[in-house]
Amino acid sequence: MNRLRDELNLSSIDVRSWHQPLMIMTAAMSALVVVAGVGLFVDGRELMHASVWAKPLKFGVSFVMYGATLAWLIPQLSRARRTMWAVGTLFAVAGLIDVGFIAVQAARGTYSHFNASTDMFDQIGQRIFQTGVFGLFGASLVVAVMLLFQRIGNAAFTWSLRAGLGLAVLGMALASFITGSAQSAGPRTVEDAYGNSVPLVGGHGVGTLDGSGMPITNWSTTGGDLRVPHFISLHSIQLFVLTVLVLTFLGGRIGWLRRERVRAQLAGVVIFGYSALFAITAWQALRGQSLIHPDAATWTAFAVAAVMTALLAALVVMAAHRNQRALRAEATRRSEQVRRERAARHDERALGSKAAPTG
C-alpha cells in the first residue's frame, strides 16, 4: 500500500485536507441520496410513470462521485492554488443550487427540467438552474485545462485524470446541447404529480418525447437520448483512476506490469476504448436511436471499437512479455559473465600460489 501511495503521489489521503466546500456539497448530496432513496418507497407520486424522487436520486449519486473526485483533486494541483480553490467553490455552490432546485421541484411534485410554467417560482428557478449549469461546466473546464500543465503521480495516473476530466467536460457540453435542442422543440402539455397541467418546452430525447424510459435510468427506449453519453463521460474519471490503481496494485505481483510505461500504455488502451464508447453512444443518440435498439451501423462501430481495443491491449501485453524475457536474458547473461570473471580470478590466484617460491 505504501508503494502504491508513493508511486501515485497519493500524499493527501486525509479527507480533512480535501477541498472543504466541495466536501460540504458532497455531504449534502449524500444526504439527498438517502432522502430520495426513502422517497422512492414511501412516496407514490409520479412524473411520467417514474417516481418524483428518481431524478434527485440519480443526480445525488452522480454529484457524490464527481464532487468527491474534485474535492481530492483540486488540492493536488500545485499551480494557482487560490484560483483553483475559488473554482472548486464555484462548482460546489453551482452544484448545490442546481441539484437543490431539482430536489425542491421533486418535493413539489413538478418538473425541474424544461418547465415553461408561468408560476413565478418555476420561472425564477429555471433561470437560476440554467445559470448553474454554465457554472458547473466552466469550473470543470478550468480544472481540466490546469491539469494539462502539471503532473500528479506517475504518467498513467496523470493522463487518466486528464482524459477523465476532459471527457467529463465534453459530457457537460453535450448536456448544454440537450438544453439547446430542447428549446427548439415545440411545447407540449403534461401532468404533474397532482394531475395539474404543466407546459414543457422540449425534452431529453432526440426524435422522441420523454416518458418512455428504461427502468432506473429512464433513458429513452423509443429514440435517441443524449443522457447516455453524458453519463458515460461524466464518470469516466472514476473508471480511469480505478484502472490505474488496479494496475499499480497488480504491478507489485506481476512481473511484466512493474514497468511504469506498460501500465501507462494499458491505461491508454482503456481510455481509448471508453472514449470510443462515448463517441459511439453520442453518435447513436444524435441519430435518434435508442441505446437498446442499435442498428447495423451502430453494431459495426461497437465491434470495430472492441476489436481495436482488444488488439491494442494484446500488443501492449505481448510487447511487455518480450521486454521481460529480454531483461531476464540480459540479467542471465550478466550473471554468467560475472560468474566466469570470478572463476577466472579464482584460477589466477590458484596458479599464482602454486608458482610462488617455497624458500
Protein backbone atom coordinates (compact mmCIF):
# COMPACT_ATOMS: atom_id res chain seq x y z
CA MET A 1 0.00 0.00 0.00
CA ASN A 2 2.87 2.39 0.77
CA ARG A 3 4.38 1.65 -2.65
CA LEU A 4 1.04 2.38 -4.28
CA ARG A 5 0.70 5.67 -2.43
CA ASP A 6 4.25 6.78 -3.22
CA GLU A 7 4.09 5.90 -6.91
CA LEU A 8 0.79 7.70 -7.49
CA ASN A 9 1.73 10.60 -5.22
CA LEU A 10 -1.32 9.98 -3.04
CA SER A 11 0.05 12.04 -0.19
CA SER A 12 -3.30 13.65 0.56
CA ILE A 13 -5.20 10.63 1.82
CA ASP A 14 -6.53 12.54 4.84
CA VAL A 15 -10.03 13.75 3.93
CA ARG A 16 -9.53 16.81 6.16
CA SER A 17 -7.07 18.20 3.60
CA TRP A 18 -9.57 17.96 0.72
CA HIS A 19 -11.42 20.96 -0.69
CA GLN A 20 -13.89 21.76 2.08
CA PRO A 21 -16.69 23.50 0.10
CA LEU A 22 -16.76 20.54 -2.28
CA MET A 23 -16.84 18.15 0.67
CA ILE A 24 -19.80 20.08 2.11
CA MET A 25 -21.54 19.74 -1.25
CA THR A 26 -20.72 16.03 -1.35
CA ALA A 27 -22.12 15.55 2.16
CA ALA A 28 -25.31 17.37 1.17
CA MET A 29 -25.64 15.19 -1.92
CA SER A 30 -25.13 12.08 0.22
CA ALA A 31 -27.99 13.22 2.46
CA LEU A 32 -30.13 13.78 -0.64
CA VAL A 33 -29.40 10.24 -1.81
CA VAL A 34 -30.73 8.90 1.49
CA VAL A 35 -33.84 11.11 1.41
CA ALA A 36 -34.56 10.34 -2.26
CA GLY A 37 -33.96 6.63 -1.69
CA VAL A 38 -36.53 6.60 1.09
CA GLY A 39 -38.87 8.69 -1.05
CA LEU A 40 -38.84 6.07 -3.79
CA PHE A 41 -40.56 3.64 -1.43
CA VAL A 42 -42.77 5.85 0.74
CA ASP A 43 -43.89 8.48 -1.79
CA GLY A 44 -46.17 7.17 -4.51
CA ARG A 45 -46.23 10.36 -6.59
CA GLU A 46 -45.00 10.02 -10.19
CA LEU A 47 -43.97 12.16 -13.14
CA MET A 48 -44.27 10.40 -16.49
CA HIS A 49 -44.59 6.99 -14.81
CA ALA A 50 -41.43 7.48 -12.73
CA SER A 51 -41.12 8.38 -9.06
CA VAL A 52 -40.73 12.09 -8.38
CA TRP A 53 -37.61 11.14 -6.39
CA ALA A 54 -35.90 9.19 -9.18
CA LYS A 55 -34.22 12.26 -10.68
CA PRO A 56 -32.93 13.69 -7.35
CA LEU A 57 -31.55 10.23 -6.52
CA LYS A 58 -29.64 9.96 -9.80
CA PHE A 59 -28.27 13.49 -9.58
CA GLY A 60 -27.32 12.98 -5.94
CA VAL A 61 -25.33 9.81 -6.66
CA SER A 62 -23.64 11.42 -9.65
CA PHE A 63 -22.59 14.53 -7.70
CA VAL A 64 -21.33 12.48 -4.76
CA MET A 65 -18.92 10.67 -7.08
CA TYR A 66 -17.86 13.68 -9.13
CA GLY A 67 -17.74 16.10 -6.19
CA ALA A 68 -15.58 13.80 -4.07
CA THR A 69 -13.20 13.35 -7.01
CA LEU A 70 -12.80 17.12 -7.46
CA ALA A 71 -12.50 17.63 -3.69
CA TRP A 72 -9.46 15.34 -3.66
CA LEU A 73 -8.03 16.52 -6.99
CA ILE A 74 -8.03 20.31 -6.55
CA PRO A 75 -5.66 20.36 -3.52
CA GLN A 76 -3.24 18.21 -5.55
CA LEU A 77 -2.81 20.98 -8.14
CA SER A 78 0.35 22.90 -7.27
CA ARG A 79 -0.22 25.92 -9.51
CA ALA A 80 -2.67 28.80 -8.96
CA ARG A 81 -3.87 27.32 -5.68
CA ARG A 82 -6.08 30.27 -4.73
CA THR A 83 -7.68 30.37 -8.16
CA MET A 84 -8.32 26.64 -8.10
CA TRP A 85 -9.81 26.87 -4.61
CA ALA A 86 -12.20 29.55 -5.92
CA VAL A 87 -13.04 27.38 -8.95
CA GLY A 88 -13.84 24.43 -6.68
CA THR A 89 -16.03 26.65 -4.53
CA LEU A 90 -17.87 27.85 -7.64
CA PHE A 91 -18.57 24.25 -8.62
CA ALA A 92 -19.80 23.42 -5.11
CA VAL A 93 -22.17 26.40 -4.98
CA ALA A 94 -23.48 25.76 -8.50
CA GLY A 95 -23.99 22.08 -7.70
CA LEU A 96 -25.91 22.84 -4.51
CA ILE A 97 -28.13 25.33 -6.33
CA ASP A 98 -28.84 23.11 -9.33
CA VAL A 99 -29.44 19.83 -7.53
CA GLY A 100 -31.21 21.69 -4.72
CA PHE A 101 -33.68 23.05 -7.28
CA ILE A 102 -34.21 19.53 -8.65
CA ALA A 103 -34.92 18.24 -5.13
CA VAL A 104 -37.31 21.11 -4.33
CA GLN A 105 -39.23 20.54 -7.56
CA ALA A 106 -39.48 16.84 -6.74
CA ALA A 107 -40.89 17.68 -3.33
CA ARG A 108 -43.39 19.98 -5.06
CA GLY A 109 -44.37 17.15 -7.40
CA THR A 110 -43.44 19.00 -10.58
CA TYR A 111 -40.75 19.20 -13.25
CA SER A 112 -37.29 20.74 -12.81
CA HIS A 113 -36.18 20.44 -16.45
CA PHE A 114 -37.84 22.18 -19.43
CA ASN A 115 -40.61 23.56 -17.22
CA ALA A 116 -42.25 26.52 -19.02
CA SER A 117 -44.89 27.16 -16.37
CA THR A 118 -45.93 30.75 -15.70
CA ASP A 119 -45.62 30.09 -11.96
CA MET A 120 -43.16 32.66 -10.53
CA PHE A 121 -41.15 30.09 -8.57
CA ASP A 122 -40.76 27.88 -11.64
CA GLN A 123 -39.66 30.81 -13.81
CA ILE A 124 -37.08 32.11 -11.34
CA GLY A 125 -35.88 28.56 -10.64
CA GLN A 126 -35.36 27.87 -14.34
CA ARG A 127 -33.22 30.99 -14.73
CA ILE A 128 -31.05 30.08 -11.74
CA PHE A 129 -30.88 26.43 -12.80
CA GLN A 130 -29.61 27.30 -16.30
CA THR A 131 -27.02 29.70 -14.85
CA GLY A 132 -25.76 26.96 -12.53
CA VAL A 133 -25.25 24.59 -15.46
CA PHE A 134 -22.78 27.03 -17.01
CA GLY A 135 -21.03 27.39 -13.65
CA LEU A 136 -20.53 23.63 -13.41
CA PHE A 137 -19.24 23.45 -16.97
CA GLY A 138 -16.89 26.42 -16.57
CA ALA A 139 -15.39 25.17 -13.30
CA SER A 140 -14.74 21.70 -14.74
CA LEU A 141 -13.18 23.22 -17.86
CA VAL A 142 -10.74 25.33 -15.81
CA VAL A 143 -9.65 22.31 -13.74
CA ALA A 144 -9.20 20.25 -16.93
CA VAL A 145 -7.02 22.96 -18.50
CA MET A 146 -4.90 23.29 -15.34
CA LEU A 147 -4.28 19.54 -15.40
CA LEU A 148 -2.64 19.92 -18.82
CA PHE A 149 0.22 21.93 -17.29
CA GLN A 150 1.12 19.82 -14.29
CA ARG A 151 1.63 16.24 -13.29
CA ILE A 152 0.11 14.27 -10.42
CA GLY A 153 1.77 10.96 -9.67
CA ASN A 154 3.11 8.82 -12.50
CA ALA A 155 2.35 9.18 -16.20
CA ALA A 156 -0.57 6.72 -16.18
CA PHE A 157 -2.24 8.47 -13.27
CA THR A 158 -1.76 11.95 -14.74
CA TRP A 159 -3.11 11.04 -18.17
CA SER A 160 -6.05 9.19 -16.62
CA LEU A 161 -7.00 12.32 -14.70
CA ARG A 162 -6.61 14.48 -17.79
CA ALA A 163 -8.59 12.18 -20.05
CA GLY A 164 -11.32 11.60 -17.47
CA LEU A 165 -11.85 15.27 -16.74
CA GLY A 166 -11.64 16.09 -20.45
CA LEU A 167 -14.38 13.59 -21.24
CA ALA A 168 -16.45 14.95 -18.36
CA VAL A 169 -16.23 18.44 -19.85
CA LEU A 170 -17.33 17.06 -23.22
CA GLY A 171 -20.24 15.35 -21.50
CA MET A 172 -21.27 18.61 -19.86
CA ALA A 173 -21.08 20.36 -23.21
CA LEU A 174 -23.34 17.63 -24.54
CA ALA A 175 -25.80 18.43 -21.73
CA SER A 176 -25.84 22.03 -22.97
CA PHE A 177 -26.66 20.67 -26.42
CA ILE A 178 -29.59 18.79 -24.89
CA THR A 179 -30.92 22.06 -23.49
CA GLY A 180 -30.34 23.90 -26.76
CA SER A 181 -32.05 21.28 -28.91
CA ALA A 182 -34.88 21.05 -26.40
CA GLN A 183 -35.63 24.75 -26.75
CA SER A 184 -36.11 24.31 -30.49
CA ALA A 185 -38.71 21.58 -29.96
CA GLY A 186 -42.34 22.58 -29.77
CA PRO A 187 -44.11 22.94 -26.41
CA ARG A 188 -46.37 20.24 -25.07
CA THR A 189 -48.57 19.89 -22.02
CA VAL A 190 -48.11 17.13 -19.45
CA GLU A 191 -49.43 16.45 -15.97
CA ASP A 192 -47.54 16.90 -12.72
CA ALA A 193 -47.83 14.54 -9.75
CA TYR A 194 -51.18 16.07 -8.78
CA GLY A 195 -52.75 15.98 -12.24
CA ASN A 196 -52.21 19.67 -12.94
CA SER A 197 -51.25 20.69 -16.47
CA VAL A 198 -47.61 21.79 -16.93
CA PRO A 199 -46.17 23.11 -20.22
CA LEU A 200 -42.77 21.65 -21.19
CA VAL A 201 -40.53 23.05 -23.90
CA GLY A 202 -38.56 20.13 -25.36
CA GLY A 203 -37.08 17.17 -23.53
CA HIS A 204 -34.07 14.87 -23.26
CA GLY A 205 -34.81 12.76 -26.33
CA VAL A 206 -33.73 13.13 -29.95
CA GLY A 207 -36.58 12.34 -32.30
CA THR A 208 -38.81 11.25 -29.44
CA LEU A 209 -40.61 12.64 -26.41
CA ASP A 210 -39.79 11.94 -22.79
CA GLY A 211 -41.92 9.40 -20.99
CA SER A 212 -40.91 6.01 -22.42
CA GLY A 213 -37.79 5.24 -20.45
CA MET A 214 -35.74 2.34 -19.16
CA PRO A 215 -36.01 1.28 -15.52
CA ILE A 216 -33.83 3.28 -13.08
CA THR A 217 -32.03 5.41 -15.70
CA ASN A 218 -35.22 6.46 -17.55
CA TRP A 219 -33.20 6.65 -20.80
CA SER A 220 -35.45 6.59 -23.83
CA THR A 221 -36.46 3.26 -25.34
CA THR A 222 -38.08 4.82 -28.41
CA GLY A 223 -35.44 7.27 -29.68
CA GLY A 224 -32.09 8.89 -29.11
CA ASP A 225 -31.14 10.08 -25.64
CA LEU A 226 -28.05 12.24 -25.07
CA ARG A 227 -28.15 11.47 -21.36
CA VAL A 228 -26.46 8.16 -22.22
CA PRO A 229 -23.12 9.60 -23.45
CA HIS A 230 -23.47 12.37 -20.86
CA PHE A 231 -23.49 9.78 -18.07
CA ILE A 232 -20.69 7.73 -19.67
CA SER A 233 -18.39 10.73 -19.98
CA LEU A 234 -19.18 12.30 -16.62
CA HIS A 235 -17.94 9.29 -14.66
CA SER A 236 -15.02 8.31 -16.87
CA ILE A 237 -12.53 9.85 -14.45
CA GLN A 238 -13.54 7.43 -11.69
CA LEU A 239 -13.15 4.45 -14.03
CA PHE A 240 -9.75 5.64 -15.31
CA VAL A 241 -8.38 6.28 -11.82
CA LEU A 242 -9.65 2.89 -10.65
CA THR A 243 -7.91 1.29 -13.65
CA VAL A 244 -4.58 2.86 -12.71
CA LEU A 245 -4.97 1.88 -9.06
CA VAL A 246 -5.64 -1.74 -10.02
CA LEU A 247 -2.74 -1.82 -12.50
CA THR A 248 -0.36 -0.33 -9.93
CA PHE A 249 -1.50 -2.78 -7.27
CA LEU A 250 -1.03 -5.72 -9.67
CA GLY A 251 2.36 -4.32 -10.68
CA GLY A 252 3.70 -5.42 -7.32
CA ARG A 253 2.70 -9.02 -8.07
CA ILE A 254 3.01 -9.43 -11.85
CA GLY A 255 6.47 -9.02 -13.30
CA TRP A 256 5.63 -7.54 -16.69
CA LEU A 257 3.36 -4.93 -15.06
CA ARG A 258 6.13 -3.50 -12.91
CA ARG A 259 7.28 -1.10 -15.60
CA GLU A 260 5.52 2.25 -15.42
CA ARG A 261 5.50 2.52 -19.21
CA VAL A 262 3.49 -0.71 -19.57
CA ARG A 263 0.89 0.43 -17.06
CA ALA A 264 0.63 3.80 -18.80
CA GLN A 265 0.08 2.06 -22.14
CA LEU A 266 -2.63 -0.20 -20.73
CA ALA A 267 -4.32 2.80 -19.12
CA GLY A 268 -4.18 4.46 -22.54
CA VAL A 269 -5.92 1.44 -24.06
CA VAL A 270 -8.74 1.72 -21.51
CA ILE A 271 -9.02 5.45 -22.24
CA PHE A 272 -9.19 4.73 -25.98
CA GLY A 273 -11.89 2.08 -25.61
CA TYR A 274 -14.00 4.13 -23.22
CA SER A 275 -13.68 7.25 -25.40
CA ALA A 276 -14.86 5.20 -28.36
CA LEU A 277 -17.86 4.08 -26.31
CA PHE A 278 -18.67 7.71 -25.55
CA ALA A 279 -18.33 8.75 -29.20
CA ILE A 280 -20.47 5.86 -30.49
CA THR A 281 -23.28 6.39 -27.98
CA ALA A 282 -23.30 10.13 -28.74
CA TRP A 283 -23.44 9.40 -32.48
CA GLN A 284 -26.20 6.85 -31.89
CA ALA A 285 -28.26 9.30 -29.82
CA LEU A 286 -27.85 12.14 -32.32
CA ARG A 287 -29.27 9.84 -35.00
CA GLY A 288 -32.42 9.43 -32.89
CA GLN A 289 -31.66 5.82 -31.98
CA SER A 290 -32.31 4.25 -28.59
CA LEU A 291 -29.38 2.68 -26.76
CA ILE A 292 -31.17 -0.68 -26.58
CA HIS A 293 -32.16 -0.72 -30.25
CA PRO A 294 -28.87 -0.33 -32.16
CA ASP A 295 -28.89 -0.71 -35.94
CA ALA A 296 -26.28 -2.44 -38.10
CA ALA A 297 -24.11 0.68 -38.30
CA THR A 298 -24.02 1.02 -34.52
CA TRP A 299 -23.24 -2.66 -34.01
CA THR A 300 -20.43 -2.36 -36.55
CA ALA A 301 -18.98 0.66 -34.75
CA PHE A 302 -19.13 -1.16 -31.42
CA ALA A 303 -17.47 -4.23 -32.95
CA VAL A 304 -14.68 -2.20 -34.58
CA ALA A 305 -14.01 -0.32 -31.34
CA ALA A 306 -13.98 -3.56 -29.31
CA VAL A 307 -11.61 -5.32 -31.74
CA MET A 308 -9.24 -2.35 -31.88
CA THR A 309 -9.22 -2.02 -28.09
CA ALA A 310 -8.55 -5.74 -27.63
CA LEU A 311 -5.84 -5.66 -30.32
CA LEU A 312 -4.09 -2.70 -28.69
CA ALA A 313 -4.24 -4.41 -25.30
CA ALA A 314 -2.82 -7.61 -26.79
CA LEU A 315 0.03 -5.70 -28.46
CA VAL A 316 0.92 -3.97 -25.20
CA VAL A 317 0.89 -7.25 -23.25
CA MET A 318 2.95 -9.11 -25.87
CA ALA A 319 5.50 -6.29 -26.02
CA ALA A 320 5.72 -6.30 -22.22
CA HIS A 321 6.33 -10.05 -22.18
CA ARG A 322 9.04 -9.70 -24.85
CA ASN A 323 10.74 -6.97 -22.88
CA GLN A 324 10.55 -9.03 -19.72
CA ARG A 325 12.12 -12.03 -21.46
CA ALA A 326 14.80 -9.78 -22.91
CA LEU A 327 15.54 -8.34 -19.48
CA ARG A 328 15.71 -11.80 -17.96
CA ALA A 329 18.04 -12.96 -20.72
CA GLU A 330 20.24 -9.92 -20.20
CA ALA A 331 20.26 -10.50 -16.46
CA THR A 332 21.20 -14.16 -17.01
CA ARG A 333 23.97 -13.17 -19.43
CA ARG A 334 25.41 -10.66 -16.98
CA SER A 335 25.17 -13.13 -14.12
CA GLU A 336 27.00 -15.74 -16.21
CA GLN A 337 29.63 -13.17 -17.18
CA VAL A 338 30.18 -12.23 -13.53
CA ARG A 339 30.42 -15.91 -12.61
CA ARG A 340 33.06 -16.50 -15.31
CA GLU A 341 35.07 -13.45 -14.24
CA ARG A 342 35.03 -14.62 -10.65
CA ALA A 343 36.07 -18.11 -11.73
CA ALA A 344 38.91 -16.66 -13.83
CA ARG A 345 40.19 -14.55 -10.91
CA HIS A 346 39.98 -17.59 -8.65
CA ASP A 347 42.04 -19.65 -11.14
CA GLU A 348 44.62 -16.86 -11.43
CA ARG A 349 45.03 -16.72 -7.66
CA ALA A 350 45.33 -20.53 -7.52
CA LEU A 351 48.01 -20.56 -10.22
CA GLY A 352 49.87 -17.70 -8.55
CA SER A 353 50.01 -19.53 -5.24
CA LYS A 354 51.36 -22.68 -6.89
CA ALA A 355 54.08 -20.76 -8.77
CA ALA A 356 55.29 -18.87 -5.70
CA PRO A 357 58.84 -19.96 -4.40
CA THR A 358 58.88 -22.07 -1.28
CA GLY A 359 62.23 -20.64 0.04
